[in-house]
Amino acid sequence: MLILIEQTIFAMKIKSFLEIATCLTIELLLFNFYSCKENETLPCGCSGIDGKAIEETYGTVFMHEEKPYLITLESGYITSCDTTKFLISGQVFEKVVGKVKSTCTTIIDTAYAYHEHFDYKASYFEIYSFKELTSPLLYSPITWKQFTIEIIKSEDFGYPKGFGFKITNSNNGFNLVQPILPVAGFVPCKTEQDAVLVAFLYVSKMYLQSASLVSVYETELEFLGVYTP
């Protein structure tokens, strides 16, 4: 009788052990399944998830390797997901509305990879609408948030003929007068549009980095097409 009881208890322990083992196996399988799901590459770029909405910002267009890019004051470099919107180099927009899309860090055809010290990349952007600025910026300041931008003539400051810009920040009183490009020698921007492009690059960095003193590299100016060494 005692042996029978012991055998029954042993059988119950075996059954309990098998049930626990089965549960652990199922949990492990589920964990691996969801881990794999989490490790899958999420869609990015134009097919990626929606990010920050841009209600209204200034932007300007430039071409790199025959591909249009924009520099916007609020989001820096962006590349449009909508190829039906015809963008022309030198266009300046006073109202760009849209939504930033999730962007992979493996984009290699942007300024992110163009300079090893450049610490932000071009974002894919779904443009909903834009309004072109028709008035020139030469000595006609525009204001966006705390920043005021004005295009100037370099020769008015004693430099070779060309263009530069002024940037003021009403939040801290910072004032930048840049009649020439931040490169060796006295090299101004060749056109008013080039000066707008560089000024927008400066302001976008100031805004995104919450700083007044920002770095702009020669390779970025090459990427923008405004400077050739």
Protein backbone atom coordinates (compact mmCIF):
# COMPACT_ATOMS: atom_id res chain seq x y z
CA MET A 1 0.00 0.00 0.00
CA LEU A 2 2.85 2.39 0.94
CA ILE A 3 4.64 1.62 -2.31
CA LEU A 4 1.50 2.43 -4.30
CA ILE A 5 1.13 5.79 -2.54
CA GLU A 6 4.79 6.64 -3.20
CA GLN A 7 4.38 5.70 -6.88
CA THR A 8 1.29 7.90 -7.14
CA ILE A 9 3.11 10.88 -5.54
CA PHE A 10 6.07 10.33 -7.86
CA ALA A 11 3.74 10.24 -10.89
CA MET A 12 2.08 13.47 -9.77
CA LYS A 13 5.50 15.16 -9.42
CA ILE A 14 6.47 14.02 -12.91
CA LYS A 15 3.19 15.38 -14.29
CA SER A 16 3.68 18.71 -12.50
CA PHE A 17 7.25 18.94 -13.78
CA LEU A 18 6.13 18.28 -17.36
CA GLU A 19 3.41 20.92 -17.09
CA ILE A 20 5.91 23.49 -15.85
CA ALA A 21 8.38 22.53 -18.57
CA THR A 22 5.66 22.85 -21.19
CA CYS A 23 4.68 26.30 -19.93
CA LEU A 24 8.29 27.42 -19.92
CA THR A 25 8.75 26.15 -23.46
CA ILE A 26 5.66 28.01 -24.65
CA GLU A 27 6.77 31.21 -22.90
CA LEU A 28 10.24 30.89 -24.41
CA LEU A 29 8.79 30.41 -27.87
CA LEU A 30 6.52 33.42 -27.41
CA PHE A 31 9.43 35.49 -26.13
CA ASN A 32 11.55 34.55 -29.13
CA PHE A 33 8.64 35.31 -31.46
CA TYR A 34 8.05 38.78 -30.08
CA SER A 35 11.78 39.44 -29.83
CA CYS A 36 12.09 38.67 -33.50
CA LYS A 37 9.16 40.96 -34.22
CA GLU A 38 10.80 43.74 -32.23
CA ASN A 39 14.12 43.22 -34.00
CA GLU A 40 12.59 43.43 -37.44
CA THR A 41 13.62 46.50 -39.40
CA LEU A 42 10.83 49.03 -39.14
CA PRO A 43 9.82 50.83 -42.33
CA CYS A 44 11.50 54.16 -42.73
CA GLY A 45 11.79 56.95 -45.23
CA CYS A 46 8.72 57.80 -47.25
CA SER A 47 7.07 54.50 -46.22
CA GLY A 48 7.92 55.08 -42.56
CA ILE A 49 5.73 56.19 -39.72
CA ASP A 50 4.63 59.80 -39.35
CA GLY A 51 6.76 62.01 -37.17
CA LYS A 52 6.68 65.66 -36.24
CA ALA A 53 4.09 67.80 -37.99
CA ILE A 54 5.35 71.07 -39.44
CA GLU A 55 2.64 73.70 -39.47
CA GLU A 56 4.49 76.58 -41.08
CA THR A 57 8.17 77.19 -41.71
CA TYR A 58 10.45 78.85 -44.22
CA GLY A 59 12.43 76.70 -46.63
CA THR A 60 14.63 76.96 -49.70
CA VAL A 61 15.50 74.48 -52.45
CA PHE A 62 18.91 73.33 -53.67
CA MET A 63 20.05 70.54 -55.97
CA HIS A 64 22.66 67.88 -55.24
CA GLU A 65 23.48 65.32 -57.92
CA GLU A 66 20.30 66.37 -59.74
CA LYS A 67 18.16 65.59 -56.71
CA PRO A 68 16.16 68.37 -54.99
CA TYR A 69 16.57 68.99 -51.28
CA LEU A 70 15.24 71.68 -49.00
CA ILE A 71 16.66 73.39 -45.98
CA THR A 72 13.85 74.34 -43.65
CA LEU A 73 14.31 76.50 -40.59
CA GLU A 74 12.45 74.06 -38.35
CA SER A 75 13.71 70.68 -39.57
CA GLY A 76 17.01 71.36 -41.32
CA TYR A 77 17.68 69.26 -44.39
CA ILE A 78 14.64 67.48 -45.83
CA THR A 79 14.00 65.47 -48.95
CA SER A 80 10.48 65.47 -50.34
CA CYS A 81 8.55 62.22 -50.61
CA ASP A 82 6.25 63.67 -53.25
CA THR A 83 8.02 63.59 -56.61
CA THR A 84 5.02 65.22 -58.30
CA LYS A 85 5.80 68.54 -56.62
CA PHE A 86 8.24 70.23 -58.97
CA LEU A 87 10.96 71.96 -56.96
CA ILE A 88 13.35 74.44 -58.57
CA SER A 89 16.76 75.29 -57.17
CA GLY A 90 16.71 78.72 -55.54
CA GLN A 91 13.01 78.70 -54.69
CA VAL A 92 12.25 80.20 -51.29
CA PHE A 93 9.07 79.19 -49.47
CA GLU A 94 7.53 81.26 -46.72
CA LYS A 95 5.08 78.53 -45.73
CA VAL A 96 6.05 74.87 -45.86
CA VAL A 97 3.46 72.57 -44.28
CA GLY A 98 3.84 68.82 -43.90
CA LYS A 99 5.02 65.96 -41.74
CA VAL A 100 8.45 64.49 -41.09
CA LYS A 101 8.67 60.74 -41.76
CA SER A 102 10.78 58.28 -39.78
CA THR A 103 14.30 58.38 -41.18
CA CYS A 104 16.90 55.61 -41.13
CA THR A 105 20.44 56.50 -40.12
CA THR A 106 21.76 54.64 -43.15
CA ILE A 107 20.97 57.35 -45.69
CA ILE A 108 24.22 57.84 -47.57
CA ASP A 109 23.22 60.34 -50.25
CA THR A 110 22.82 63.26 -47.86
CA ALA A 111 25.05 65.67 -46.00
CA TYR A 112 24.88 63.31 -42.98
CA ALA A 113 27.42 61.08 -44.71
CA TYR A 114 29.08 63.93 -46.56
CA HIS A 115 31.00 65.08 -43.51
CA GLU A 116 32.03 62.85 -40.62
CA HIS A 117 31.43 65.63 -38.10
CA PHE A 118 28.01 66.59 -39.39
CA ASP A 119 25.66 65.58 -36.61
CA TYR A 120 22.22 65.49 -38.21
CA LYS A 121 20.83 64.00 -41.37
CA ALA A 122 18.26 64.81 -43.99
CA SER A 123 14.75 63.80 -42.99
CA TYR A 124 12.17 62.44 -45.39
CA PHE A 125 9.26 64.81 -45.53
CA GLU A 126 5.72 64.59 -46.81
CA ILE A 127 4.88 68.07 -48.10
CA TYR A 128 1.20 68.96 -47.81
CA SER A 129 1.49 72.47 -49.19
CA PHE A 130 3.88 75.34 -49.68
CA LYS A 131 3.74 79.01 -50.59
CA GLU A 132 6.56 80.61 -52.52
CA LEU A 133 8.07 83.84 -51.26
CA THR A 134 7.91 86.33 -54.10
CA SER A 135 9.64 89.33 -52.55
CA PRO A 136 13.47 89.42 -52.46
CA LEU A 137 15.26 89.10 -49.12
CA LEU A 138 17.95 91.63 -50.00
CA TYR A 139 17.63 94.23 -47.25
CA SER A 140 14.08 92.99 -46.61
CA PRO A 141 14.24 91.01 -43.35
CA ILE A 142 12.00 88.05 -42.59
CA THR A 143 11.19 86.85 -39.09
CA TRP A 144 10.50 83.29 -37.98
CA LYS A 145 10.05 82.55 -34.28
CA GLN A 146 12.89 84.45 -32.53
CA PHE A 147 15.09 84.70 -35.63
CA THR A 148 15.31 87.53 -38.13
CA ILE A 149 17.19 86.97 -41.41
CA GLU A 150 18.34 89.64 -43.82
CA ILE A 151 20.41 89.30 -47.00
CA ILE A 152 23.14 91.91 -47.48
CA LYS A 153 25.70 92.92 -50.10
CA SER A 154 29.27 91.98 -49.21
CA GLU A 155 30.78 95.06 -50.86
CA ASP A 156 28.85 97.26 -48.44
CA PHE A 157 31.09 95.83 -45.70
CA GLY A 158 34.39 96.23 -47.56
CA TYR A 159 34.57 92.75 -49.07
CA PRO A 160 34.57 91.59 -52.70
CA LYS A 161 31.29 91.93 -54.57
CA GLY A 162 28.70 89.32 -53.62
CA PHE A 163 26.18 88.54 -50.92
CA GLY A 164 26.05 87.65 -47.26
CA PHE A 165 23.49 87.76 -44.46
CA LYS A 166 22.56 88.98 -41.01
CA ILE A 167 20.88 86.86 -38.34
CA THR A 168 19.50 88.16 -35.05
CA ASN A 169 17.99 86.21 -32.17
CA SER A 170 15.50 88.23 -30.15
CA ASN A 171 15.59 85.73 -27.28
CA ASN A 172 19.19 86.42 -26.33
CA GLY A 173 20.17 89.47 -28.38
CA PHE A 174 22.66 87.48 -30.47
CA ASN A 175 23.58 89.22 -33.73
CA LEU A 176 25.54 87.55 -36.55
CA VAL A 177 26.78 89.60 -39.50
CA GLN A 178 28.25 87.28 -42.14
CA PRO A 179 29.20 89.19 -45.33
CA ILE A 180 31.35 86.26 -46.57
CA LEU A 181 31.34 82.47 -46.40
CA PRO A 182 32.99 80.80 -43.35
CA VAL A 183 35.98 79.60 -45.40
CA ALA A 184 39.59 80.66 -45.85
CA GLY A 185 39.94 83.94 -47.72
CA PHE A 186 37.29 86.54 -48.45
CA VAL A 187 34.73 84.56 -50.42
CA PRO A 188 31.19 85.96 -50.55
CA CYS A 189 28.14 84.13 -51.88
CA LYS A 190 27.86 84.56 -55.63
CA THR A 191 24.10 85.02 -55.66
CA GLU A 192 21.34 86.20 -53.36
CA GLN A 193 19.88 82.68 -53.49
CA ASP A 194 23.16 81.19 -52.26
CA ALA A 195 23.18 83.62 -49.34
CA VAL A 196 19.61 82.61 -48.45
CA LEU A 197 20.64 78.95 -48.50
CA VAL A 198 23.57 79.45 -46.14
CA ALA A 199 21.56 81.75 -43.86
CA PHE A 200 18.80 79.14 -43.59
CA LEU A 201 21.41 76.48 -42.79
CA TYR A 202 22.75 78.62 -39.95
CA VAL A 203 19.30 79.33 -38.50
CA SER A 204 18.19 75.70 -38.74
CA LYS A 205 21.27 74.66 -36.78
CA MET A 206 20.77 77.40 -34.20
CA TYR A 207 17.17 76.31 -33.74
CA LEU A 208 17.75 72.54 -33.70
CA GLN A 209 20.81 72.75 -31.47
CA SER A 210 19.42 75.54 -29.23
CA ALA A 211 22.70 77.39 -29.70
CA SER A 212 23.92 80.67 -31.16
CA LEU A 213 27.44 79.53 -32.06
CA VAL A 214 27.16 76.70 -34.57
CA SER A 215 29.64 75.16 -37.01
CA VAL A 216 29.23 75.12 -40.76
CA TYR A 217 31.83 73.09 -42.64
CA GLU A 218 33.34 73.61 -46.07
CA THR A 219 32.05 70.23 -47.17
CA GLU A 220 28.51 71.29 -46.31
CA LEU A 221 28.93 74.39 -48.48
CA GLU A 222 30.20 72.13 -51.26
CA PHE A 223 27.18 69.88 -50.75
CA LEU A 224 24.91 72.92 -51.07
CA GLY A 225 26.68 73.94 -54.26
CA VAL A 226 27.59 77.41 -52.99
CA TYR A 227 31.37 76.88 -52.67
CA THR A 228 34.14 75.17 -54.62
CA PRO A 229 37.62 75.00 -53.02
